[in-house]
C-alpha atoms as a PDB file:
ATOM      1  CA  MET A   1     -11.481 -13.180  34.138  1.00  0.00           C
ATOM      2  CA  ASP A   2      -8.403 -11.495  35.761  1.00  0.00           C
ATOM      3  CA  SER A   3      -5.967 -13.233  33.471  1.00  0.00           C
ATOM      4  CA  ILE A   4      -7.943 -11.917  30.468  1.00  0.00           C
ATOM      5  CA  LEU A   5      -7.902  -8.409  31.734  1.00  0.00           C
ATOM      6  CA  GLU A   6      -4.078  -8.723  32.491  1.00  0.00           C
ATOM      7  CA  THR A   7      -3.452 -10.062  28.971  1.00  0.00           C
ATOM      8  CA  LEU A   8      -5.537  -7.110  27.510  1.00  0.00           C
ATOM      9  CA  GLY A   9      -3.623  -4.650  29.728  1.00  0.00           C
ATOM     10  CA  SER A  10      -0.288  -5.756  28.592  1.00  0.00           C
ATOM     11  CA  GLY A  11      -1.184  -6.508  25.006  1.00  0.00           C
ATOM     12  CA  LEU A  12      -3.441  -3.646  24.034  1.00  0.00           C
ATOM     13  CA  PRO A  13      -0.523  -0.981  24.213  1.00  0.00           C
ATOM     14  CA  ILE A  14       1.583  -3.220  21.896  1.00  0.00           C
ATOM     15  CA  LEU A  15      -1.339  -3.760  19.475  1.00  0.00           C
ATOM     16  CA  VAL A  16      -1.919   0.088  19.389  1.00  0.00           C
ATOM     17  CA  LEU A  17       1.800   0.837  18.850  1.00  0.00           C
ATOM     18  CA  GLN A  18       2.171  -1.747  16.029  1.00  0.00           C
ATOM     19  CA  LEU A  19      -1.056  -0.688  14.385  1.00  0.00           C
ATOM     20  CA  ALA A  20       0.020   2.937  14.476  1.00  0.00           C
ATOM     21  CA  ALA A  21       3.419   2.017  13.031  1.00  0.00           C
ATOM     22  CA  THR A  22       1.820   0.067  10.204  1.00  0.00           C
ATOM     23  CA  LEU A  23      -0.704   2.860   9.471  1.00  0.00           C
ATOM     24  CA  GLY A  24       2.115   5.366   9.455  1.00  0.00           C
ATOM     25  CA  LEU A  25       3.954   3.240   6.827  1.00  0.00           C
ATOM     26  CA  LEU A  26       0.783   3.178   4.805  1.00  0.00           C
ATOM     27  CA  ALA A  27       0.425   6.873   4.936  1.00  0.00           C
ATOM     28  CA  ILE A  28       4.137   7.452   4.081  1.00  0.00           C
ATOM     29  CA  GLY A  29       3.845   4.793   1.288  1.00  0.00           C
ATOM     30  CA  ILE A  30       0.823   6.370  -0.304  1.00  0.00           C
ATOM     31  CA  ALA A  31       2.418   9.855  -0.100  1.00  0.00           C
ATOM     32  CA  CYS A  32       5.542   8.569  -1.771  1.00  0.00           C
ATOM     33  CA  TYR A  33       3.398   6.834  -4.340  1.00  0.00           C
ATOM     34  CA  MET A  34       1.555  10.089  -5.159  1.00  0.00           C
ATOM     35  CA  ALA A  35       4.927  11.792  -5.360  1.00  0.00           C
ATOM     36  CA  VAL A  36       6.295   9.392  -8.052  1.00  0.00           C
ATOM     37  CA  THR A  37       3.228   9.023 -10.288  1.00  0.00           C
ATOM     38  CA  PRO A  38       3.201  10.953 -13.506  1.00  0.00           C
ATOM     39  CA  PHE A  39      -0.342  12.231 -12.779  1.00  0.00           C
ATOM     40  CA  GLN A  40      -1.869  14.083  -9.873  1.00  0.00           C
ATOM     41  CA  GLU A  41      -4.401  11.650  -8.472  1.00  0.00           C
ATOM     42  CA  GLY A  42      -5.830  13.978  -5.844  1.00  0.00           C
ATOM     43  CA  ARG A  43      -6.791  16.646  -8.376  1.00  0.00           C
ATOM     44  CA  LEU A  44      -8.054  14.101 -10.947  1.00  0.00           C
ATOM     45  CA  VAL A  45     -10.155  12.361  -8.326  1.00  0.00           C
ATOM     46  CA  ARG A  46     -11.674  15.712  -7.226  1.00  0.00           C
ATOM     47  CA  GLU A  47     -12.515  16.437 -10.851  1.00  0.00           C
ATOM     48  CA  GLY A  48     -14.400  13.049 -11.048  1.00  0.00           C
ATOM     49  CA  ASN A  49     -11.826  11.034 -12.966  1.00  0.00           C
ATOM     50  CA  ALA A  50     -12.792   7.395 -12.164  1.00  0.00           C
ATOM     51  CA  ALA A  51      -9.618   5.966 -13.630  1.00  0.00           C
ATOM     52  CA  ALA A  52      -7.450   8.084 -11.156  1.00  0.00           C
ATOM     53  CA  GLY A  53      -9.635   6.929  -8.311  1.00  0.00           C
ATOM     54  CA  ILE A  54      -9.304   3.226  -9.425  1.00  0.00           C
ATOM     55  CA  VAL A  55      -5.379   3.635  -9.674  1.00  0.00           C
ATOM     56  CA  LEU A  56      -5.194   5.319  -6.178  1.00  0.00           C
ATOM     57  CA  MET A  57      -7.550   2.836  -4.631  1.00  0.00           C
ATOM     58  CA  GLY A  58      -5.529   0.086  -6.074  1.00  0.00           C
ATOM     59  CA  ALA A  59      -2.238   1.581  -4.735  1.00  0.00           C
ATOM     60  CA  LEU A  60      -3.670   1.906  -1.330  1.00  0.00           C
ATOM     61  CA  VAL A  61      -4.833  -1.690  -1.222  1.00  0.00           C
ATOM     62  CA  ALA A  62      -1.624  -2.975  -2.842  1.00  0.00           C
ATOM     63  CA  LEU A  63       0.432  -1.247  -0.159  1.00  0.00           C
ATOM     64  CA  ALA A  64      -1.758  -2.440   2.665  1.00  0.00           C
ATOM     65  CA  ILE A  65      -1.578  -6.097   1.671  1.00  0.00           C
ATOM     66  CA  PRO A  66       2.244  -6.691   2.351  1.00  0.00           C
ATOM     67  CA  LEU A  67       2.041  -4.338   5.311  1.00  0.00           C
ATOM     68  CA  ALA A  68      -0.663  -6.551   6.760  1.00  0.00           C
ATOM     69  CA  ALA A  69       1.477  -9.539   6.287  1.00  0.00           C
ATOM     70  CA  THR A  70       4.349  -7.820   7.948  1.00  0.00           C
ATOM     71  CA  LEU A  71       2.122  -6.817  10.877  1.00  0.00           C
ATOM     72  CA  ALA A  72       0.730 -10.412  11.243  1.00  0.00           C
ATOM     73  CA  THR A  73       4.122 -12.088  11.241  1.00  0.00           C
ATOM     74  CA  SER A  74       6.287  -9.666  13.150  1.00  0.00           C
ATOM     75  CA  ALA A  75       6.783  -9.896  16.908  1.00  0.00           C
ATOM     76  CA  VAL A  76       8.422  -6.529  17.453  1.00  0.00           C
ATOM     77  CA  THR A  77       7.564  -3.049  16.211  1.00  0.00           C
ATOM     78  CA  LEU A  78      11.146  -2.431  14.822  1.00  0.00           C
ATOM     79  CA  ASP A  79      10.652  -5.624  12.654  1.00  0.00           C
ATOM     80  CA  ILE A  80       7.506  -4.148  11.343  1.00  0.00           C
ATOM     81  CA  LEU A  81       9.059  -0.831  10.550  1.00  0.00           C
ATOM     82  CA  ILE A  82      12.003  -2.334   8.715  1.00  0.00           C
ATOM     83  CA  TRP A  83      10.200  -5.030   6.648  1.00  0.00           C
ATOM     84  CA  GLY A  84       7.161  -2.595   6.217  1.00  0.00           C
ATOM     85  CA  ALA A  85       9.639  -0.091   4.666  1.00  0.00           C
ATOM     86  CA  VAL A  86      10.977  -2.870   2.403  1.00  0.00           C
ATOM     87  CA  ALA A  87       7.390  -3.721   1.367  1.00  0.00           C
ATOM     88  CA  VAL A  88       6.604  -0.052   0.495  1.00  0.00           C
ATOM     89  CA  VAL A  89       9.709   0.222  -1.574  1.00  0.00           C
ATOM     90  CA  VAL A  90       8.957  -3.027  -3.423  1.00  0.00           C
ATOM     91  CA  GLN A  91       5.393  -1.691  -4.199  1.00  0.00           C
ATOM     92  CA  LEU A  92       6.723   1.600  -5.362  1.00  0.00           C
ATOM     93  CA  LEU A  93       9.284  -0.085  -7.720  1.00  0.00           C
ATOM     94  CA  ALA A  94       6.397  -2.247  -9.002  1.00  0.00           C
ATOM     95  CA  PHE A  95       4.383   0.932  -9.930  1.00  0.00           C
ATOM     96  CA  LEU A  96       7.496   2.512 -11.520  1.00  0.00           C
ATOM     97  CA  LEU A  97       8.096  -0.584 -13.643  1.00  0.00           C
ATOM     98  CA  THR A  98       4.463  -0.765 -14.610  1.00  0.00           C
ATOM     99  CA  ALA A  99       4.493   2.930 -15.570  1.00  0.00           C
ATOM    100  CA  ALA A 100       7.564   2.335 -17.726  1.00  0.00           C
ATOM    101  CA  LEU A 101       5.980  -0.574 -19.521  1.00  0.00           C
ATOM    102  CA  PHE A 102       2.767   1.382 -20.207  1.00  0.00           C
ATOM    103  CA  ARG A 103       3.791   4.181 -22.529  1.00  0.00           C
ATOM    104  CA  GLY A 104       1.362   7.014 -22.400  1.00  0.00           C
ATOM    105  CA  LEU A 105       0.013   5.883 -18.918  1.00  0.00           C
ATOM    106  CA  ARG A 106      -0.340   9.473 -17.831  1.00  0.00           C
ATOM    107  CA  ALA A 107      -2.438  10.487 -20.714  1.00  0.00           C
ATOM    108  CA  MET A 108      -4.634   7.396 -20.391  1.00  0.00           C
ATOM    109  CA  ILE A 109      -5.382   7.985 -16.754  1.00  0.00           C
ATOM    110  CA  GLU A 110      -5.909  11.711 -17.271  1.00  0.00           C
ATOM    111  CA  ALA A 111      -8.400  10.735 -20.061  1.00  0.00           C
ATOM    112  CA  GLY A 112     -10.252   8.558 -17.656  1.00  0.00           C
ATOM    113  CA  ASN A 113      -9.424   5.330 -19.251  1.00  0.00           C
ATOM    114  CA  ALA A 114     -10.718   2.864 -16.653  1.00  0.00           C
ATOM    115  CA  GLY A 115      -9.402  -0.211 -18.600  1.00  0.00           C
ATOM    116  CA  ALA A 116      -5.769   0.999 -18.236  1.00  0.00           C
ATOM    117  CA  ALA A 117      -6.429   1.784 -14.631  1.00  0.00           C
ATOM    118  CA  CYS A 118      -7.654  -1.771 -14.039  1.00  0.00           C
ATOM    119  CA  VAL A 119      -4.602  -3.324 -15.606  1.00  0.00           C
ATOM    120  CA  VAL A 120      -2.335  -1.115 -13.498  1.00  0.00           C
ATOM    121  CA  VAL A 121      -4.265  -2.054 -10.325  1.00  0.00           C
ATOM    122  CA  GLY A 122      -4.185  -5.757 -11.321  1.00  0.00           C
ATOM    123  CA  ILE A 123      -0.400  -5.705 -11.721  1.00  0.00           C
ATOM    124  CA  GLN A 124      -0.129  -3.747  -8.350  1.00  0.00           C
ATOM    125  CA  LEU A 125      -2.263  -6.399  -6.490  1.00  0.00           C
ATOM    126  CA  ALA A 126      -0.499  -9.355  -7.976  1.00  0.00           C
ATOM    127  CA  ILE A 127       2.870  -8.009  -6.862  1.00  0.00           C
ATOM    128  CA  ALA A 128       1.482  -7.081  -3.543  1.00  0.00           C
ATOM    129  CA  LEU A 129       0.230 -10.608  -2.902  1.00  0.00           C
ATOM    130  CA  ILE A 130       3.520 -12.018  -3.898  1.00  0.00           C
ATOM    131  CA  ASN A 131       5.258  -9.414  -1.789  1.00  0.00           C
ATOM    132  CA  ALA A 132       3.080 -10.376   1.132  1.00  0.00           C
ATOM    133  CA  GLY A 133       3.837 -13.988   0.780  1.00  0.00           C
ATOM    134  CA  ALA A 134       7.542 -13.231   0.715  1.00  0.00           C
ATOM    135  CA  MET A 135       7.200 -11.043   3.874  1.00  0.00           C
ATOM    136  CA  ALA A 136       5.134 -13.792   5.607  1.00  0.00           C
ATOM    137  CA  GLY A 137       7.553 -16.513   4.562  1.00  0.00           C
END
């Protein structure tokens, strides 16, 4: 029992630090995402726009997937911060590419087009899974 408590005592602070670093990257990532999108998700969601909510939720999950892979495979916090930042940049570039391919995306989301939102989320999640695989590789 003593060895379990010793392991917990030495491992828990590291777990908390690495979890906090990853959550911080997630918060920075979603803030950057909201800054680069051509629509204002927060306002649209407050107004009841389901498409904006779907896209924002998809972005959050798509950012979390490669960050989780980085957290799971990294031994030190600096590794998490570096590769986590790379993961966030890749996801932001994926959204920007998707937005460039979808002409009129802003109007579609602002109009509440859930179909368009689902396609955007699908692309974001697909890239997130590939990104996570590369991070874990």
